[in-house]
Protein backbone atom coordinates (compact mmCIF):
# COMPACT_ATOMS: atom_id res chain seq x y z
CA MET A 1 65.39 226.06 191.96
CA LYS A 2 65.73 222.76 190.18
CA VAL A 3 67.27 222.08 186.79
CA TYR A 4 66.98 218.88 184.75
CA ILE A 5 69.78 218.04 182.31
CA THR A 6 69.55 215.22 179.77
CA ARG A 7 72.95 213.44 179.28
CA PHE A 8 73.55 211.10 176.30
CA ASN A 9 69.77 211.00 175.63
CA CYS A 10 69.34 208.27 178.21
CA GLU A 11 70.15 209.68 181.69
CA ILE A 12 68.55 212.60 183.52
CA ILE A 13 70.57 214.15 186.32
CA LYS A 14 68.61 216.17 188.77
CA ILE A 15 70.58 219.06 190.26
CA ASP A 16 69.31 221.01 193.23
CA TYR A 17 71.28 224.24 193.41
CA TYR A 18 70.34 224.94 197.00
CA ASN A 19 71.00 221.41 198.21
CA LYS A 20 74.60 220.28 197.72
CA MET A 21 73.76 216.89 199.16
CA GLY A 22 71.44 216.40 196.24
CA LEU A 23 74.42 216.63 193.87
CA THR A 24 76.46 214.10 195.77
CA LYS A 25 73.62 211.60 196.05
CA LYS A 26 73.45 211.36 192.28
CA ILE A 27 77.12 210.25 192.20
CA ASN A 28 77.15 208.07 195.31
CA PHE A 29 75.71 205.06 193.51
CA LYS A 30 78.65 205.14 191.08
CA LEU A 31 81.12 205.36 193.94
CA TRP A 32 79.44 202.42 195.65
CA PHE A 33 79.62 200.49 192.39
CA VAL A 34 83.37 201.08 192.13
CA LEU A 35 83.83 200.10 195.78
CA ILE A 36 82.01 196.82 195.12
CA ILE A 37 84.29 196.07 192.14
CA VAL A 38 87.37 196.91 194.23
CA SER A 39 86.19 194.64 197.02
CA ILE A 40 85.65 191.78 194.56
CA LEU A 41 89.14 192.24 193.11
CA SER A 42 90.61 192.54 196.59
CA GLY A 43 89.06 189.26 197.61
CA HIS A 44 90.50 187.66 194.47
CA ILE A 45 93.93 189.24 194.59
CA LEU A 46 94.91 190.12 198.13
CA PRO A 47 96.14 187.28 200.35
CA ALA A 48 93.91 185.94 203.05
CA THR A 49 94.64 186.98 206.63
CA ALA A 50 97.32 184.78 208.07
CA GLN A 51 96.24 182.38 210.76
CA THR A 52 98.18 183.26 213.88
CA THR A 53 96.98 180.44 216.10
CA ASP A 54 98.49 177.03 216.18
CA SER A 55 96.40 174.37 214.43
CA THR A 56 97.03 171.95 217.29
CA ALA A 57 95.35 174.23 219.85
CA ARG A 58 92.13 172.99 221.41
CA PRO A 59 88.76 174.60 220.44
CA ALA A 60 87.49 177.67 222.23
CA LYS A 61 84.84 175.61 224.03
CA ALA A 62 87.48 174.06 226.32
CA ASP A 63 87.75 175.25 229.91
CA SER A 64 90.06 178.11 230.84
CA ILE A 65 92.55 175.88 232.70
CA ALA A 66 93.13 173.72 229.62
CA VAL A 67 93.56 176.80 227.45
CA VAL A 68 96.13 178.33 229.80
CA ALA A 69 98.03 175.03 230.02
CA THR A 70 98.07 174.70 226.26
CA ALA A 71 99.39 178.24 225.90
CA VAL A 72 102.18 177.57 228.41
CA VAL A 73 103.19 174.37 226.64
CA GLN A 74 103.23 176.18 223.30
CA GLU A 75 105.42 178.96 224.67
CA LYS A 76 107.95 176.52 226.10
CA THR A 77 108.02 173.69 223.57
CA LEU A 78 107.17 175.22 220.21
CA ILE A 79 110.25 175.24 217.95
CA SER A 80 110.19 177.36 214.82
CA THR A 81 112.60 179.26 212.64
CA ALA A 82 110.65 182.41 213.51
CA VAL A 83 111.23 182.05 217.29
CA ASP A 84 113.34 184.69 219.00
CA THR A 85 114.89 182.65 221.85
CA THR A 86 116.52 185.69 223.39
CA LYS A 87 113.13 187.21 224.28
CA ASN A 88 111.37 183.92 225.00
CA ALA A 89 108.70 184.75 222.40
CA TYR A 90 107.84 183.71 218.90
CA VAL A 91 106.31 185.38 215.87
CA VAL A 92 104.23 183.58 213.28
CA VAL A 93 105.18 184.80 209.82
CA ALA A 94 102.34 185.10 207.33
CA PRO A 95 102.75 182.72 204.38
CA THR A 96 103.73 184.22 201.07
CA VAL A 97 100.98 183.99 198.47
CA ASP A 98 101.92 183.62 194.81
CA HIS A 99 99.76 185.86 192.62
CA SER A 100 101.48 185.11 189.31
CA ASP A 101 98.52 183.10 188.01
CA THR A 102 96.17 185.96 188.88
CA TYR A 103 98.28 188.52 187.04
CA LYS A 104 98.45 186.23 184.00
CA SER A 105 94.68 185.77 183.79
CA ALA A 106 92.75 187.79 181.23
CA ILE A 107 89.85 188.53 183.58
CA PHE A 108 92.19 190.45 185.89
CA TYR A 109 93.21 192.91 183.18
CA VAL A 110 89.67 193.15 181.82
CA LEU A 111 88.35 194.16 185.25
CA LEU A 112 91.29 196.53 185.71
CA PHE A 113 90.53 198.24 182.40
CA PHE A 114 86.83 198.37 183.27
CA MET A 115 87.60 200.00 186.62
CA PHE A 116 89.80 202.58 184.89
CA CYS A 117 86.97 203.44 182.46
CA VAL A 118 84.49 203.75 185.33
CA PHE A 119 86.94 206.00 187.18
CA LEU A 120 87.27 208.28 184.16
CA ALA A 121 83.49 208.36 183.75
CA ILE A 122 83.04 209.40 187.39
CA ILE A 123 85.67 212.12 187.05
CA GLY A 124 83.94 213.37 183.91
CA LYS A 125 80.53 213.42 185.60
CA THR A 126 81.93 215.23 188.60
CA LEU A 127 83.56 217.89 186.45
CA LYS A 128 80.37 218.29 184.45
CA VAL A 129 78.36 218.89 187.64
CA TYR A 130 81.01 221.37 188.74
CA GLU A 131 80.76 223.27 185.46
CA VAL A 132 76.95 223.37 185.61
CA SER A 133 77.03 224.71 189.14
CA ARG A 134 79.49 227.48 188.14
CA GLU A 135 77.35 228.34 185.14
CA MET A 136 74.28 228.63 187.35
CA GLN A 137 76.22 230.96 189.60
CA GLY A 138 77.04 233.17 186.62
CA LYS A 139 80.74 232.32 186.64
CA LYS A 140 82.90 231.44 183.66
CA ILE A 141 83.82 227.84 182.90
CA ALA A 142 87.04 227.00 184.70
CA PHE A 143 88.49 224.74 182.00
CA ASP A 144 88.13 225.01 178.23
CA TYR A 145 88.67 221.38 177.28
CA ARG A 146 88.75 222.19 173.58
CA LYS A 147 91.90 224.22 174.04
CA VAL A 148 93.40 221.48 176.21
CA GLN A 149 92.71 218.89 173.51
CA GLY A 150 94.23 221.14 170.86
CA VAL A 151 97.45 221.50 172.86
CA MET A 152 97.52 217.74 173.41
CA PHE A 153 97.23 217.22 169.64
CA ALA A 154 100.21 219.53 169.08
CA ILE A 155 102.26 217.67 171.71
CA ALA A 156 101.31 214.31 170.16
CA LEU A 157 102.42 215.57 166.73
CA VAL A 158 105.88 216.59 167.99
CA ALA A 159 106.29 213.34 169.96
CA GLY A 160 105.18 211.26 166.97
CA LEU A 161 107.58 212.96 164.55
CA TYR A 162 110.42 212.43 166.98
CA GLY A 163 109.38 208.78 167.26
CA VAL A 164 109.64 208.44 163.47
CA TYR A 165 113.13 209.93 163.52
CA TRP A 166 114.19 207.69 166.42
CA SER A 167 112.91 204.50 164.78
CA TYR A 168 114.71 205.29 161.52
CA ASP A 169 117.93 206.32 163.25
CA VAL A 170 118.11 203.43 165.75
CA GLN A 171 116.07 200.52 164.44
CA GLY A 172 116.76 201.33 160.80
CA LYS A 173 120.49 200.82 161.28
CA MET A 174 119.87 197.47 162.94
CA SER A 175 117.46 196.10 160.34
CA ILE A 176 118.87 197.41 157.05
CA THR A 177 122.00 195.68 155.81
CA GLU A 178 123.63 195.36 152.41
CA SER A 179 122.33 192.56 150.24
CA SER A 180 124.72 189.65 149.60
CA SER A 181 123.20 188.76 146.22
CA VAL A 182 122.98 190.52 142.87
CA HIS A 183 119.18 190.55 142.60
CA GLY A 184 118.96 191.72 146.23
CA GLU A 185 120.12 195.16 145.11
CA ARG A 186 116.94 195.58 143.05
CA ILE A 187 114.79 194.35 145.93
CA ASP A 188 116.49 196.80 148.30
CA LEU A 189 115.93 199.62 145.80
CA MET A 190 112.21 198.79 145.72
CA PHE A 191 112.16 198.76 149.51
CA TYR A 192 113.88 202.17 149.76
CA ILE A 193 111.53 203.75 147.20
CA THR A 194 108.45 202.41 148.99
CA THR A 195 109.77 203.50 152.38
CA ILE A 196 110.57 207.03 151.20
CA ILE A 197 107.16 207.52 149.57
CA THR A 198 105.19 206.14 152.53
CA THR A 199 107.27 208.16 155.01
CA ILE A 200 106.63 211.41 153.16
CA VAL A 201 102.91 210.70 152.96
CA PHE A 202 102.82 209.65 156.62
CA ILE A 203 104.53 212.83 157.85
CA LEU A 204 102.51 215.20 155.65
CA THR A 205 99.14 213.67 156.51
CA HIS A 206 99.88 213.72 160.24
CA ILE A 207 101.10 217.31 160.14
CA ILE A 208 97.88 218.31 158.37
CA LEU A 209 95.69 216.19 160.65
CA PHE A 210 97.16 217.29 163.98
CA GLY A 211 97.93 220.82 162.78
CA PHE A 212 94.31 221.44 161.76
CA SER A 213 93.11 219.94 165.05
CA PHE A 214 95.27 222.44 166.92
CA LYS A 215 94.66 225.51 164.76
CA TYR A 216 90.92 225.08 164.39
CA ARG A 217 90.15 223.80 167.87
CA GLY A 218 86.70 224.64 169.20
CA SER A 219 86.04 228.13 170.53
CA VAL A 220 82.96 229.99 171.74
CA GLU A 221 84.01 233.00 169.65
CA ARG A 222 84.01 231.05 166.37
CA LYS A 223 81.32 229.09 164.56
CA ALA A 224 82.21 225.97 162.56
CA TYR A 225 81.88 226.17 158.79
CA PHE A 226 80.13 223.25 157.08
CA TYR A 227 82.28 222.09 154.15
CA PRO A 228 80.44 219.18 152.50
CA HIS A 229 82.37 218.43 149.31
CA ASN A 230 85.26 219.49 147.06
CA ASN A 231 85.84 217.85 143.69
CA SER A 232 89.43 219.06 143.35
CA ILE A 233 90.49 217.46 146.63
CA GLU A 234 88.71 214.23 145.67
CA ARG A 235 90.61 214.09 142.36
CA ILE A 236 93.96 214.73 144.03
CA TRP A 237 93.72 212.03 146.69
CA THR A 238 92.33 209.52 144.17
CA ILE A 239 94.60 210.04 141.15
CA ALA A 240 97.90 210.60 143.01
CA PRO A 241 97.81 207.33 145.04
CA ALA A 242 96.68 205.44 141.93
CA ILE A 243 99.72 206.63 139.95
CA VAL A 244 102.15 205.89 142.78
CA LEU A 245 100.75 202.41 143.41
CA THR A 246 100.78 201.59 139.68
CA VAL A 247 104.48 202.47 139.43
CA LEU A 248 105.34 200.42 142.53
CA VAL A 249 103.35 197.38 141.37
CA LEU A 250 104.89 197.39 137.88
CA LEU A 251 108.39 197.80 139.33
CA GLY A 252 107.79 194.86 141.67
CA PHE A 253 106.30 192.70 138.91
CA PHE A 254 109.25 193.08 136.54
CA THR A 255 111.77 192.62 139.36
CA TRP A 256 110.08 189.43 140.57
CA ARG A 257 109.78 188.08 137.03
CA SER A 258 113.50 188.58 136.40
CA ILE A 259 114.27 186.57 139.55
CA THR A 260 111.85 183.67 139.23
CA ASN A 261 111.84 183.37 135.43
CA PRO A 262 115.31 184.18 134.05
CA PRO A 263 116.26 183.31 130.46
CA GLU A 264 116.62 179.62 129.67
CA ALA A 265 120.34 179.95 128.94
CA GLU A 266 120.93 181.33 132.45
CA GLN A 267 118.86 178.52 133.95
CA LYS A 268 120.98 175.83 132.27
CA SER A 269 124.28 177.41 133.31
CA ALA A 270 123.29 177.83 136.96
CA VAL A 271 124.24 175.36 139.70
CA LEU A 272 121.14 173.23 140.33
CA ILE A 273 120.32 172.30 143.93
CA GLU A 274 117.18 170.72 145.36
CA ALA A 275 116.04 171.76 148.85
CA ARG A 276 113.16 169.66 150.13
CA GLY A 277 111.71 170.51 153.51
CA GLU A 278 110.17 168.16 156.02
CA GLN A 279 109.33 168.37 159.70
CA PHE A 280 111.81 169.52 160.85
CA LYS A 281 114.83 169.70 158.55
CA TRP A 282 115.98 170.49 155.02
CA ASN A 283 117.15 167.73 152.63
CA ILE A 284 119.75 169.06 150.20
CA ARG A 285 120.42 167.27 146.88
CA TYR A 286 123.06 168.38 144.37
CA SER A 287 122.88 167.63 140.68
CA GLY A 288 125.85 165.83 139.13
CA THR A 289 127.95 166.59 136.10
CA ASP A 290 124.86 166.67 133.88
CA ASN A 291 123.45 169.51 136.03
CA LYS A 292 120.12 167.64 136.24
CA VAL A 293 118.41 165.98 139.17
CA GLY A 294 116.48 162.74 138.81
CA ILE A 295 112.75 162.56 139.20
CA SER A 296 111.24 161.51 142.51
CA ASN A 297 108.01 159.93 143.72
CA TYR A 298 106.67 159.91 147.25
CA LYS A 299 105.62 156.25 146.77
CA LEU A 300 109.31 155.30 146.50
CA ILE A 301 110.28 156.75 149.90
CA THR A 302 112.06 154.19 152.09
CA PRO A 303 114.44 154.44 155.08
CA ILE A 304 117.36 154.33 152.63
CA ASN A 305 115.74 156.39 149.88
CA SER A 306 114.38 159.24 152.04
CA LEU A 307 113.54 161.49 149.08
CA GLY A 308 111.83 158.81 146.99
CA ILE A 309 114.28 159.17 144.10
CA ASP A 310 113.41 157.07 141.06
CA PHE A 311 116.79 155.52 140.30
CA LYS A 312 115.49 154.12 137.03
CA ASP A 313 116.04 157.66 135.81
CA ARG A 314 119.70 157.86 134.79
CA ASN A 315 119.81 161.57 135.70
CA SER A 316 119.67 160.53 139.36
CA TRP A 317 122.74 158.29 139.28
CA ASP A 318 125.18 161.17 139.81
CA ASP A 319 123.03 163.11 142.33
CA LYS A 320 124.56 163.75 145.75
CA LEU A 321 122.94 164.23 149.17
CA ALA A 322 124.67 166.84 151.36
CA GLY A 323 124.30 167.81 154.99
CA GLU A 324 125.02 171.49 154.33
CA ILE A 325 124.83 173.95 151.48
CA VAL A 326 128.05 175.06 149.79
CA ILE A 327 127.76 177.36 146.78
CA PRO A 328 130.26 179.22 144.58
CA VAL A 329 130.55 183.00 144.64
CA ASN A 330 129.67 185.11 141.57
CA ARG A 331 127.90 182.17 139.95
CA ALA A 332 124.16 181.72 139.51
CA VAL A 333 122.53 179.16 141.82
CA ARG A 334 119.12 177.74 140.93
CA VAL A 335 117.24 176.10 143.81
CA MET A 336 114.41 173.65 143.22
CA ILE A 337 112.25 173.91 146.34
CA GLY A 338 109.77 171.29 147.53
CA SER A 339 108.23 169.71 150.61
CA LYS A 340 107.59 166.15 151.84
CA ASP A 341 104.76 166.93 154.25
CA VAL A 342 103.42 170.43 155.06
CA LEU A 343 103.95 173.93 153.73
CA HIS A 344 107.46 175.28 154.41
CA SER A 345 109.30 178.37 153.17
CA PHE A 346 112.87 178.55 151.84
CA TYR A 347 114.28 181.76 153.36
CA ILE A 348 117.80 183.24 153.31
CA PRO A 349 117.58 186.87 154.58
CA GLU A 350 121.06 188.04 153.51
CA PHE A 351 120.44 186.90 149.91
CA ARG A 352 116.89 188.34 149.83
CA VAL A 353 115.68 184.86 148.94
CA GLN A 354 112.28 183.52 149.96
CA MET A 355 110.03 181.00 148.26
CA ASN A 356 107.33 178.67 149.55
CA ALA A 357 107.99 174.93 149.62
CA VAL A 358 104.73 173.34 148.49
CA PRO A 359 104.09 169.58 148.69
CA GLY A 360 103.76 168.04 145.23
CA MET A 361 104.64 171.25 143.36
CA PRO A 362 108.31 172.22 142.83
CA THR A 363 109.11 175.93 142.84
CA PHE A 364 112.32 177.65 141.76
CA PHE A 365 114.44 180.57 142.90
CA GLN A 366 117.66 181.69 141.20
CA PHE A 367 120.23 184.03 142.75
CA THR A 368 123.91 184.92 142.52
CA PRO A 369 126.01 185.42 145.70
CA LYS A 370 128.28 188.47 145.69
CA TYR A 371 130.49 187.73 148.68
CA THR A 372 132.08 184.65 150.17
CA THR A 373 131.50 183.74 153.80
CA ALA A 374 135.04 184.88 154.65
CA GLU A 375 134.45 188.27 153.01
CA MET A 376 131.15 188.71 154.87
CA ARG A 377 132.84 187.99 158.19
CA VAL A 378 135.25 190.82 157.48
CA LYS A 379 132.48 193.20 156.31
CA ARG A 380 130.33 192.46 159.37
CA ASN A 381 133.34 192.36 161.71
CA ASP A 382 132.01 189.05 163.01
CA PRO A 383 134.34 186.02 162.81
CA LYS A 384 131.43 183.68 163.58
CA PHE A 385 129.09 184.96 160.87
CA ASP A 386 127.39 182.38 158.64
CA PHE A 387 124.65 182.49 156.06
CA ILE A 388 121.68 180.54 157.43
CA LEU A 389 118.80 178.88 155.60
CA LEU A 390 115.59 179.24 157.60
CA CYS A 391 111.95 178.23 157.31
CA ALA A 392 109.63 181.25 157.17
CA LYS A 393 106.45 179.25 157.80
CA ILE A 394 105.31 178.10 161.24
CA CYS A 395 105.28 174.43 160.24
CA GLY A 396 105.01 172.81 163.68
CA ALA A 397 106.51 172.55 167.15
CA GLY A 398 110.05 172.01 165.83
CA HIS A 399 109.88 174.87 163.33
CA TYR A 400 112.87 176.61 164.93
CA ASN A 401 115.07 173.58 164.12
CA MET A 402 114.81 174.05 160.37
CA GLN A 403 118.18 175.72 159.91
CA ASN A 404 121.03 174.90 157.53
CA LYS A 405 124.37 176.61 157.32
CA ILE A 406 125.26 178.03 153.90
CA THR A 407 128.92 178.48 153.00
CA VAL A 408 129.90 180.62 150.02
CA VAL A 409 133.34 179.78 148.64
CA SER A 410 135.38 180.31 145.51
CA ASP A 411 134.60 178.25 142.43
CA ALA A 412 137.68 176.05 142.89
CA GLU A 413 136.81 175.33 146.52
CA TYR A 414 133.26 174.46 145.50
CA VAL A 415 134.42 171.94 142.88
CA ALA A 416 136.79 170.31 145.39
CA TRP A 417 134.05 170.11 148.04
CA LEU A 418 131.47 168.65 145.65
CA ALA A 419 133.88 165.92 144.53
CA LYS A 420 134.11 164.66 148.12
CA GLN A 421 130.34 164.21 148.53
CA ALA A 422 128.96 160.67 148.30
CA LEU A 423 126.56 159.59 145.58
CA MET A 424 122.97 158.84 146.49
CA TYR A 425 123.02 155.87 144.12
CA ASN A 426 125.33 153.83 146.35
CA ASP A 427 125.73 150.10 147.10
CA ASP A 428 122.95 150.04 149.69
CA VAL A 429 120.50 151.55 147.24
CA LYS A 430 121.61 149.12 144.54
CA LYS A 431 121.07 146.15 146.89
CA GLU A 432 117.65 147.42 147.84
CA LEU A 433 116.70 147.88 144.21
CA GLN A 434 118.02 144.42 143.37
CA MET A 435 116.03 142.82 146.20
CA ALA A 436 112.92 144.69 145.10
CA ALA A 437 113.43 143.53 141.52
CA GLU A 438 113.94 139.90 142.64
CA LYS A 439 110.82 140.07 144.78
CA GLU A 440 108.83 141.52 141.94
CA GLY A 441 110.16 138.85 139.58
CA ALA A 442 109.27 136.08 142.04
CA ILE A 443 105.73 137.38 142.30
CA LYS A 444 105.41 137.48 138.53
CA ASN A 445 106.76 133.92 138.19
CA LYS A 446 104.36 132.67 140.84
CA MET A 447 101.43 134.32 139.10
CA ALA A 448 102.50 132.84 135.76
CA LEU A 449 102.85 129.38 137.36
CA ASN A 450 99.38 129.60 138.87
CA THR A 451 97.97 130.62 135.50
CA ASN A 452 99.60 127.63 133.73
CA THR A 453 98.39 125.21 136.41
CA ARG A 454 94.79 126.32 135.96
CA ASN A 455 95.08 125.96 132.22
């Protein structure tokens, strides 16, 4: 009796019930295929057989007397760290082969994954042949894989819910800290609301998804019901997400607007600082008593004037260049952010501050620190804690170097610190400007002289 079964509409497996060898022959070609793959990988991965003969030995074509003499000389004169002199014998140790490059190669893991898939396919084919043979014998199917899959869905649901709890309990405590700025409280509130909503939706949808997969798993006693469409369900999962997303977007819009575009009176009263990024550092410029910074032009950049400040603008005469950032607590700080070369990002995690630094286009971010550095060290129980300015864009090989320490102090300490900083409009800059003016004047005089001579 012969039965023909079509599998995946492309393969016909011929099963001879009275000839067990006929069943195995249909699978042998797959086994041979796996063996070939294993042999290829073995030749690529496993070390070659160690050569146990000495390279100085004569070829096998030499006469027996010469071979014996060579062996005796080797036994008596060969000196090696692997020689056991107590037994008058030596052992050649196989060289150690480094496979680190092999394990790092992508082709190794691709072939490994392919072999695993082929192995699963062979197991599946074998079990299918086993089931067909039992069915032909009039026996019940040994395994109901639909029930097994349903139980696996239930186990995956429990494990996944525990994973959610673990990530919130362990990683949540490590990643969520109190904001050190006033506006950061609103950003944290938005984050908590979004996290709560998405967590509830995530848990409910997975309970429904895995729960239905377990409860309504396939069974020979039950026929599936075709449920093509339901308008009520469509309305629920369309309108509900739309309302939630609208609320979140509006909340984010008004929060962001209050940060980046505060009232003009608050802008004028805030401490104005310019932070201009370049590969790979931050240049910090403080405004003077007028609380204004002078204009700049990239064409004016020189070794002395690294920011290209136009010192013809009187607002730049009291500007100061600082190596670090010191700001007063409980006072608004407005940062003018720019870049000299590529795209950077002004990022202070504890203050919930982040803004792109775009070449040729200044951007602004205003925030108010709540705690001094000393207070934060006590709150974090870390005497070495410091606020750090980072770059949140991968701007090049030295991206990791773009860090500046930020120190938050009292208002009196800030005023005393700022008074000690040197002016950018110093004697060197004045000499350079004077030399440039004299050179420009000389060129003009020479041009005027040439014009008069021609006339």
